[in-house]
């Protein structure tokens, strides 16, 4: 049976919310561009080698290309090629020339290459090939940001994150489904199939990464003598990515714990503190949920979790497929509430609050547990293994950080100073980040 169409008023409201998100995303990109151009004129870059562009090793040009017709504009664009963009642009231009360039996965360079050879091909005469590659990268990154803002402002975006993007969440989902099949429905074969299916889906997550590692092994290690092979080629598991991160950038467990790195730890302390506090708050609120990995959740919370985990099926069957043990009336209520929330464009946090337990709502809901476990793993990795200064952009991928920040700013029982501190930090990060990052100073 097809789901009823949305009333015109709800459709207009939904479009209004999407329009606001679209405008906000575009304005944020324009603000960042203005700030970057402003800071570039007021501050001398720390590293002025951005315009350097030696010939490609694999296919050197027989003669230098003609100078661009607009050299000043070309220089201004190329001066913005800093930090990781140096590698992405170089890969798009020359391919994977050096061992350390294999630390950067090929999707973005491939998109830059295609866009520079199609849409922006006529601009090469004006600003040169490398500036066109940089311009293509700018366009791809900013357009992707805008589309991501629109897509993830919805329950659908939240459920995509929940069901697809993280192996930790996928594992918990598989465990709960297998448990329900084996012990509630008494269907052992179904439980076994769920476990096998979950394992295959986890493997599929790593297939692109493993394929790229095999590509690196093929280019660097094969058809070489034992004396010519790089050390990682001779390892039992020849993993190029780990070797690059360790050898060229000094990444590894506790390897960043040095006195000279104290400023970088201070730089990452705000986001790390917010993430750790969000984890502690949840653990203190629901210790039984954390210790039992959600298996000790109440019946009502399991009902809400079942609605979330099965929402992927609902797009094909016009309604969440909640466990058979719950009544059809409860299912209809979930369907109506979900349609109402989706049509109004409300965020994922409100979806969880509406479907949470009557005893523990909002951020303490059992539905948040997968995100807490995922965030815990990310915090540990950022603090003990990675270059800690990238913790801000690394942890910004976790929705738990934003949900907890909104809780601090809106909950009446919380002190208002926490909200002011979060706003002040966000504004300072935008201003200082656009100033320092664009001028190649140590800020990320």
Protein backbone atom coordinates (compact mmCIF):
# COMPACT_ATOMS: atom_id res chain seq x y z
CA UNK A 1 0.00 0.00 0.00
CA UNK A 2 1.48 3.34 -1.00
CA UNK A 3 2.12 5.93 1.66
CA UNK A 4 -0.17 8.97 1.64
CA UNK A 5 1.08 12.08 -0.08
CA UNK A 6 2.30 14.97 2.01
CA UNK A 7 -0.04 17.90 2.59
CA UNK A 8 0.95 21.03 0.62
CA UNK A 9 1.69 22.95 3.83
CA UNK A 10 4.14 20.30 5.04
CA UNK A 11 5.78 20.14 1.60
CA UNK A 12 6.22 23.92 1.58
CA UNK A 13 7.67 23.83 5.10
CA UNK A 14 10.09 21.09 4.08
CA UNK A 15 11.20 23.09 1.03
CA UNK A 16 11.63 26.16 3.22
CA UNK A 17 13.97 24.30 5.57
CA UNK A 18 16.00 22.93 2.67
CA UNK A 19 16.27 26.41 1.17
CA UNK A 20 17.59 27.78 4.46
CA UNK A 21 20.18 25.01 4.66
CA UNK A 22 21.22 25.66 1.06
CA UNK A 23 21.60 29.39 1.68
CA UNK A 24 23.55 28.82 4.89
CA UNK A 25 25.93 26.40 3.18
CA UNK A 26 26.55 28.78 0.27
CA UNK A 27 27.05 31.77 2.58
CA UNK A 28 29.53 29.82 4.69
CA UNK A 29 31.57 29.04 1.56
CA UNK A 30 31.49 32.68 0.46
CA UNK A 31 32.50 33.84 3.95
CA UNK A 32 35.43 31.43 3.96
CA UNK A 33 36.52 32.64 0.52
CA UNK A 34 36.37 36.29 1.59
CA UNK A 35 38.30 35.63 4.79
CA UNK A 36 40.93 33.61 2.95
CA UNK A 37 41.48 36.35 0.36
CA UNK A 38 41.62 38.96 3.13
CA UNK A 39 44.18 37.10 5.22
CA UNK A 40 46.30 36.27 2.17
CA UNK A 41 46.69 39.99 1.48
CA UNK A 42 47.47 40.91 5.10
CA UNK A 43 49.84 38.10 6.06
CA UNK A 44 52.94 36.70 4.37
CA UNK A 45 52.68 32.92 3.88
CA UNK A 46 55.00 30.80 5.98
CA UNK A 47 55.86 28.63 2.97
CA UNK A 48 56.11 30.43 -0.37
CA UNK A 49 56.90 27.35 -2.46
CA UNK A 50 53.30 26.74 -3.55
CA UNK A 51 53.81 27.94 -7.18
CA UNK A 52 56.76 25.55 -7.73
CA UNK A 53 55.80 22.91 -10.26
CA UNK A 54 58.60 20.69 -11.62
CA UNK A 55 57.98 18.52 -14.66
CA UNK A 56 56.23 15.18 -14.16
CA UNK A 57 58.59 12.25 -13.67
CA UNK A 58 56.48 9.73 -15.58
CA UNK A 59 55.75 11.85 -18.65
CA UNK A 60 57.91 14.99 -18.82
CA UNK A 61 56.79 17.55 -21.37
CA UNK A 62 59.18 17.94 -24.33
CA UNK A 63 58.83 21.71 -24.13
CA UNK A 64 57.53 24.08 -21.45
CA UNK A 65 53.86 25.08 -21.85
CA UNK A 66 53.09 28.60 -23.05
CA UNK A 67 52.65 31.20 -20.30
CA UNK A 68 49.04 31.88 -19.26
CA UNK A 69 47.26 34.94 -20.58
CA UNK A 70 46.32 36.00 -17.03
CA UNK A 71 49.50 35.33 -15.01
CA UNK A 72 48.39 37.31 -11.94
CA UNK A 73 45.17 35.34 -11.58
CA UNK A 74 47.03 32.09 -12.20
CA UNK A 75 49.56 32.95 -9.51
CA UNK A 76 46.83 33.88 -7.03
CA UNK A 77 45.10 30.54 -7.56
CA UNK A 78 48.31 28.50 -7.35
CA UNK A 79 49.35 30.27 -4.14
CA UNK A 80 46.35 28.63 -2.49
CA UNK A 81 47.76 25.14 -3.10
CA UNK A 82 48.97 24.38 0.43
CA UNK A 83 48.98 21.46 2.84
CA UNK A 84 47.35 18.29 1.44
CA UNK A 85 46.16 20.06 -1.70
CA UNK A 86 49.77 19.98 -2.93
CA UNK A 87 49.54 16.19 -3.13
CA UNK A 88 46.04 16.04 -4.59
CA UNK A 89 46.86 18.50 -7.37
CA UNK A 90 50.17 16.79 -8.12
CA UNK A 91 48.50 13.38 -8.33
CA UNK A 92 45.83 14.75 -10.65
CA UNK A 93 48.55 16.25 -12.83
CA UNK A 94 51.23 13.54 -12.83
CA UNK A 95 49.79 10.44 -11.19
CA UNK A 96 51.38 8.63 -8.25
CA UNK A 97 55.07 9.50 -8.69
CA UNK A 98 56.42 9.16 -5.17
CA UNK A 99 55.91 6.59 -2.45
CA UNK A 100 54.47 9.08 0.04
CA UNK A 101 51.81 10.22 -2.43
CA UNK A 102 50.07 6.85 -1.97
CA UNK A 103 48.83 8.11 1.41
CA UNK A 104 46.21 10.09 -0.56
CA UNK A 105 43.37 8.04 -2.03
CA UNK A 106 42.53 8.49 -5.72
CA UNK A 107 38.87 9.59 -5.83
CA UNK A 108 39.44 13.33 -5.38
CA UNK A 109 42.44 13.50 -7.77
CA UNK A 110 40.45 11.55 -10.36
CA UNK A 111 37.53 13.99 -10.08
CA UNK A 112 39.92 16.95 -10.35
CA UNK A 113 41.51 15.42 -13.45
CA UNK A 114 38.14 14.83 -15.14
CA UNK A 115 36.78 18.30 -14.36
CA UNK A 116 39.96 20.01 -15.55
CA UNK A 117 39.78 18.12 -18.87
CA UNK A 118 36.10 18.82 -19.47
CA UNK A 119 34.31 21.78 -17.88
CA UNK A 120 37.41 23.90 -17.21
CA UNK A 121 39.45 22.84 -20.23
CA UNK A 122 38.85 26.16 -22.07
CA UNK A 123 40.32 28.08 -19.10
CA UNK A 124 43.76 26.46 -19.42
CA UNK A 125 44.91 29.10 -21.92
CA UNK A 126 43.98 31.85 -19.46
CA UNK A 127 45.48 30.60 -16.18
CA UNK A 128 47.50 27.51 -17.03
CA UNK A 129 47.02 23.79 -16.40
CA UNK A 130 48.03 23.67 -12.72
CA UNK A 131 45.81 26.60 -11.77
CA UNK A 132 42.91 24.86 -13.54
CA UNK A 133 43.58 21.74 -11.49
CA UNK A 134 43.50 23.83 -8.31
CA UNK A 135 40.31 25.58 -9.44
CA UNK A 136 38.71 22.19 -10.13
CA UNK A 137 39.62 21.06 -6.62
CA UNK A 138 38.08 24.18 -5.09
CA UNK A 139 34.85 23.70 -6.99
CA UNK A 140 34.56 19.99 -6.18
CA UNK A 141 35.23 20.52 -2.47
CA UNK A 142 32.77 23.38 -2.05
CA UNK A 143 29.99 21.86 -4.13
CA UNK A 144 30.39 18.61 -2.18
CA UNK A 145 30.10 20.60 1.07
CA UNK A 146 26.84 22.20 -0.06
CA UNK A 147 25.28 18.93 -1.18
CA UNK A 148 26.37 17.22 2.04
CA UNK A 149 24.74 19.97 4.12
CA UNK A 150 21.45 19.48 2.29
CA UNK A 151 21.55 15.70 2.36
CA UNK A 152 22.43 15.22 6.00
CA UNK A 153 19.77 17.69 7.21
CA UNK A 154 17.21 15.02 7.49
CA UNK A 155 16.36 11.81 9.17
CA UNK A 156 17.41 10.09 5.96
CA UNK A 157 20.92 11.45 6.31
CA UNK A 158 21.08 10.30 9.91
CA UNK A 159 19.98 6.79 9.02
CA UNK A 160 22.48 6.66 6.16
CA UNK A 161 25.22 7.41 8.67
CA UNK A 162 23.77 4.85 11.05
CA UNK A 163 23.45 2.04 8.53
CA UNK A 164 26.26 2.61 6.05
CA UNK A 165 29.18 4.76 7.06
CA UNK A 166 30.83 3.11 10.06
CA UNK A 167 31.94 -0.45 10.62
CA UNK A 168 31.40 -0.01 14.39
CA UNK A 169 27.73 0.84 13.90
CA UNK A 170 27.34 -1.94 11.35
CA UNK A 171 28.76 -4.50 13.79
CA UNK A 172 26.38 -3.47 16.58
CA UNK A 173 23.45 -3.52 14.20
CA UNK A 174 24.40 -7.04 13.07
CA UNK A 175 24.77 -8.30 16.63
CA UNK A 176 21.34 -7.04 17.66
CA UNK A 177 19.63 -8.42 14.58
CA UNK A 178 21.31 -11.82 15.04
CA UNK A 179 20.35 -11.87 18.72
CA UNK A 180 16.70 -11.12 17.94
CA UNK A 181 16.63 -13.80 15.24
CA UNK A 182 18.25 -16.47 17.42
CA UNK A 183 16.63 -15.89 20.81
CA UNK A 184 13.38 -14.00 20.17
CA UNK A 185 12.27 -15.48 16.88
CA UNK A 186 14.04 -18.84 17.45
CA UNK A 187 15.36 -18.88 13.89
CA UNK A 188 18.96 -20.08 14.02
CA UNK A 189 19.48 -20.13 10.24
CA UNK A 190 18.29 -16.55 9.97
CA UNK A 191 20.73 -15.51 12.70
CA UNK A 192 23.55 -17.28 10.88
CA UNK A 193 22.65 -15.55 7.63
CA UNK A 194 22.58 -12.17 9.38
CA UNK A 195 26.07 -12.78 10.78
CA UNK A 196 27.43 -13.85 7.39
CA UNK A 197 25.76 -10.91 5.66
CA UNK A 198 27.15 -8.49 8.25
CA UNK A 199 30.65 -9.93 7.88
CA UNK A 200 30.49 -9.57 4.10
CA UNK A 201 29.30 -5.97 4.40
CA UNK A 202 32.19 -5.20 6.77
CA UNK A 203 34.62 -6.69 4.28
CA UNK A 204 33.11 -4.61 1.48
CA UNK A 205 33.89 -1.46 3.45
CA UNK A 206 37.60 -2.26 3.18
CA UNK A 207 37.61 -3.45 -0.44
CA UNK A 208 38.43 -0.03 -2.00
CA UNK A 209 41.25 0.55 0.49
CA UNK A 210 42.70 -2.95 0.00
CA UNK A 211 42.45 -2.57 -3.77
CA UNK A 212 44.42 0.66 -3.66
CA UNK A 213 47.08 -0.95 -1.43
CA UNK A 214 47.40 -3.74 -3.99
CA UNK A 215 47.80 -1.10 -6.70
CA UNK A 216 50.67 0.46 -4.73
CA UNK A 217 52.29 -2.94 -4.23
CA UNK A 218 52.04 -3.62 -7.97
CA UNK A 219 53.71 -0.30 -8.89
CA UNK A 220 56.43 -0.24 -6.25
CA UNK A 221 57.28 -3.81 -5.30
CA UNK A 222 56.74 -6.08 -8.29
CA UNK A 223 59.50 -6.79 -10.82
CA UNK A 224 62.17 -5.59 -8.41
CA UNK A 225 65.06 -7.50 -6.90
CA UNK A 226 65.23 -8.12 -3.18
CA UNK A 227 67.86 -5.41 -2.77
CA UNK A 228 65.71 -2.82 -4.56
CA UNK A 229 62.54 -3.55 -2.62
CA UNK A 230 61.32 -1.10 -0.01
CA UNK A 231 61.12 -2.50 3.55
CA UNK A 232 57.32 -2.67 3.59
CA UNK A 233 57.32 -4.81 0.43
CA UNK A 234 59.00 -7.63 2.39
CA UNK A 235 56.55 -7.55 5.31
CA UNK A 236 54.19 -10.47 5.92
CA UNK A 237 51.28 -8.09 5.29
CA UNK A 238 52.69 -5.44 2.91
CA UNK A 239 50.56 -2.48 3.96
CA UNK A 240 51.83 0.64 2.22
CA UNK A 241 49.60 3.14 4.04
CA UNK A 242 50.83 2.30 7.53
CA UNK A 243 54.46 2.42 6.40
CA UNK A 244 54.03 5.85 4.80
CA UNK A 245 52.34 7.30 7.87
CA UNK A 246 55.05 5.94 10.14
CA UNK A 247 58.14 6.56 8.00
CA UNK A 248 57.35 9.95 6.46
CA UNK A 249 55.09 11.56 9.07
CA UNK A 250 56.09 9.83 12.31
CA UNK A 251 52.65 8.47 13.16
CA UNK A 252 52.31 5.63 15.63
CA UNK A 253 51.18 4.74 19.13
CA UNK A 254 52.47 7.41 21.60
CA UNK A 255 55.06 8.61 19.06
CA UNK A 256 53.59 12.12 19.17
CA UNK A 257 53.98 12.41 22.93
CA UNK A 258 56.87 14.88 22.85
CA UNK A 259 57.40 18.14 24.68
CA UNK A 260 57.76 20.08 21.41
CA UNK A 261 54.28 18.89 20.38
CA UNK A 262 52.60 20.49 23.42
CA UNK A 263 51.20 23.43 21.36
CA UNK A 264 49.51 20.93 19.04
CA UNK A 265 47.91 19.16 21.99
CA UNK A 266 46.66 22.54 23.23
CA UNK A 267 45.26 23.27 19.77
CA UNK A 268 43.28 20.03 19.84
CA UNK A 269 42.23 20.31 23.49
CA UNK A 270 38.82 22.02 22.89
CA UNK A 271 37.43 19.39 20.53
CA UNK A 272 38.99 16.55 22.53
CA UNK A 273 37.51 17.93 25.75
CA UNK A 274 34.05 18.25 24.18
CA UNK A 275 34.23 14.72 22.79
CA UNK A 276 35.46 13.18 26.05
CA UNK A 277 32.80 15.03 28.06
CA UNK A 278 30.10 13.78 25.71
CA UNK A 279 31.31 10.20 26.20
CA UNK A 280 31.53 10.57 30.00
CA UNK A 281 28.07 12.14 30.15
CA UNK A 282 26.56 9.23 28.26
CA UNK A 283 28.41 6.55 30.25
CA UNK A 284 27.31 8.11 33.55
CA UNK A 285 23.73 8.44 32.33
CA UNK A 286 23.40 4.89 30.95
CA UNK A 287 26.12 2.61 32.36
CA UNK A 288 23.93 -0.47 31.92
CA UNK A 289 23.45 0.28 28.23
CA UNK A 290 27.17 0.77 27.63
CA UNK A 291 28.28 -2.36 29.52
CA UNK A 292 25.69 -4.53 27.81
CA UNK A 293 26.21 -2.96 24.34
CA UNK A 294 22.53 -2.06 24.28
CA UNK A 295 21.16 -5.55 25.03
CA UNK A 296 19.79 -4.39 28.40
CA UNK A 297 17.77 -1.57 26.85
CA UNK A 298 14.10 -1.35 27.77
CA UNK A 299 11.40 -2.81 25.52
CA UNK A 300 10.36 0.67 24.38
CA UNK A 301 13.93 1.63 23.50
CA UNK A 302 14.47 -1.61 21.60
CA UNK A 303 11.34 -0.77 19.67
CA UNK A 304 12.75 2.60 18.69
CA UNK A 305 16.12 1.05 17.81
CA UNK A 306 14.35 -1.54 15.66
CA UNK A 307 12.55 1.26 13.81
CA UNK A 308 15.84 3.01 13.13
CA UNK A 309 17.80 -0.09 12.12
CA UNK A 310 15.07 -1.22 9.75
CA UNK A 311 14.45 2.19 8.18
CA UNK A 312 16.51 1.17 5.16
CA UNK A 313 13.86 -1.45 4.41
CA UNK A 314 11.10 1.08 4.96
CA UNK A 315 12.07 2.98 1.83
CA UNK A 316 11.16 -0.15 -0.13
CA UNK A 317 8.08 -1.18 1.84
CA UNK A 318 6.54 2.16 2.86
CA UNK A 319 7.00 1.81 6.60
CA UNK A 320 9.52 0.70 9.26
CA UNK A 321 9.53 -3.07 9.74
CA UNK A 322 9.51 -3.28 13.51
CA UNK A 323 9.97 -6.60 15.25
CA UNK A 324 7.01 -8.97 15.10
CA UNK A 325 6.60 -8.88 18.86
CA UNK A 326 5.27 -5.28 18.78
CA UNK A 327 1.72 -4.41 17.94
CA UNK A 328 0.50 -2.99 14.66
CA UNK A 329 -0.76 0.07 16.53
CA UNK A 330 2.79 0.86 17.66
CA UNK A 331 4.01 0.42 14.11
CA UNK A 332 1.39 2.85 12.77
CA UNK A 333 2.36 5.40 15.40
CA UNK A 334 6.01 5.10 14.39
CA UNK A 335 5.11 5.53 10.74
CA UNK A 336 3.02 8.63 11.37
CA UNK A 337 5.62 10.21 13.63
CA UNK A 338 8.44 9.43 11.22
CA UNK A 339 6.56 10.91 8.25
CA UNK A 340 5.78 14.02 10.24
CA UNK A 341 9.38 14.49 11.33
CA UNK A 342 10.77 13.88 7.85
CA UNK A 343 8.31 16.24 6.21
CA UNK A 344 9.17 19.02 8.61
CA UNK A 345 12.91 18.62 8.02
CA UNK A 346 13.77 18.15 11.66
CA UNK A 347 17.17 16.87 12.68
CA UNK A 348 18.27 13.44 13.78
CA UNK A 349 18.59 14.43 17.42
CA UNK A 350 14.88 15.28 17.61
CA UNK A 351 14.04 12.00 15.88
CA UNK A 352 15.83 10.12 18.63
CA UNK A 353 14.22 12.16 21.38
CA UNK A 354 10.72 11.45 20.02
CA UNK A 355 11.43 7.73 19.75
CA UNK A 356 13.43 7.34 22.94
CA UNK A 357 12.52 5.71 26.18
CA UNK A 358 10.16 7.49 28.52
CA UNK A 359 12.80 7.15 31.22
CA UNK A 360 15.89 8.32 29.31
CA UNK A 361 15.36 10.67 26.39
CA UNK A 362 17.51 12.61 24.00
CA UNK A 363 21.27 12.24 24.19
CA UNK A 364 20.96 9.44 26.78
CA UNK A 365 18.86 7.28 24.47
CA UNK A 366 20.04 3.76 23.73
CA UNK A 367 19.96 4.66 20.04
CA UNK A 368 22.99 6.90 20.61
CA UNK A 369 25.19 4.02 21.84
CA UNK A 370 26.71 3.13 18.42
CA UNK A 371 27.78 6.72 17.93
CA UNK A 372 29.32 6.86 21.41
CA UNK A 373 31.37 3.73 20.76
CA UNK A 374 32.43 5.08 17.39
CA UNK A 375 33.40 8.44 18.90
CA UNK A 376 35.37 6.69 21.66
CA UNK A 377 37.44 4.86 19.06
CA UNK A 378 38.03 8.08 17.14
CA UNK A 379 39.12 9.98 20.26
CA UNK A 380 41.57 7.24 21.25
CA UNK A 381 43.02 7.18 17.74
CA UNK A 382 43.35 10.96 17.53
CA UNK A 383 44.99 11.28 20.96
CA UNK A 384 47.33 8.28 21.02
CA UNK A 385 48.14 7.51 17.37
CA UNK A 386 47.51 10.39 14.97
CA UNK A 387 48.99 13.85 14.68
CA UNK A 388 46.81 15.34 17.36
CA UNK A 389 46.44 18.73 15.65
CA UNK A 390 44.12 17.17 13.05
CA UNK A 391 41.72 16.05 15.78
CA UNK A 392 39.31 18.93 15.08
CA UNK A 393 38.62 18.00 11.47
CA UNK A 394 38.82 14.27 12.30
CA UNK A 395 36.27 14.36 15.13
CA UNK A 396 33.99 16.78 13.29
CA UNK A 397 32.73 13.75 11.35
CA UNK A 398 30.98 12.44 14.48
CA UNK A 399 27.38 13.62 15.01
CA UNK A 400 27.69 12.96 18.75
CA UNK A 401 29.90 16.02 19.16
CA UNK A 402 27.23 18.31 17.71
CA UNK A 403 24.39 16.66 19.63
CA UNK A 404 26.22 17.08 22.92
CA UNK A 405 27.17 20.67 22.10
CA UNK A 406 23.51 21.47 21.37
CA UNK A 407 22.58 19.82 24.68
CA UNK A 408 25.01 22.08 26.54
CA UNK A 409 23.63 25.17 24.81
CA UNK A 410 19.90 24.43 25.14
CA UNK A 411 19.38 22.32 28.26
CA UNK A 412 18.04 24.49 31.13
CA UNK A 413 19.98 22.48 33.72
CA UNK A 414 23.31 23.24 32.03
CA UNK A 415 25.28 26.40 32.74
CA UNK A 416 24.95 29.05 30.02
CA UNK A 417 28.68 29.69 30.07
CA UNK A 418 29.27 26.41 28.28
CA UNK A 419 27.11 27.60 25.42
CA UNK A 420 28.97 30.91 25.26
CA UNK A 421 32.31 29.09 25.28
CA UNK A 422 31.25 26.85 22.39
CA UNK A 423 30.07 29.80 20.33
CA UNK A 424 33.24 31.77 21.09
CA UNK A 425 35.45 28.83 20.18
CA UNK A 426 33.58 28.23 16.92
CA UNK A 427 33.91 31.88 15.85
CA UNK A 428 37.59 32.00 16.83
CA UNK A 429 38.24 28.77 14.95
CA UNK A 430 36.70 30.20 11.78
CA UNK A 431 38.69 33.44 11.97
CA UNK A 432 42.04 32.01 13.06
CA UNK A 433 41.66 28.90 10.94
CA UNK A 434 41.07 30.79 7.71
CA UNK A 435 44.01 33.08 8.55
CA UNK A 436 46.60 30.48 9.53
CA UNK A 437 45.59 27.53 7.38
CA UNK A 438 45.50 29.46 4.10
CA UNK A 439 48.95 30.90 4.82
CA UNK A 440 50.51 27.52 5.57
CA UNK A 441 50.88 28.11 9.29
CA UNK A 442 50.42 25.11 11.62
CA UNK A 443 46.67 25.12 12.06
CA UNK A 444 44.23 22.43 11.00
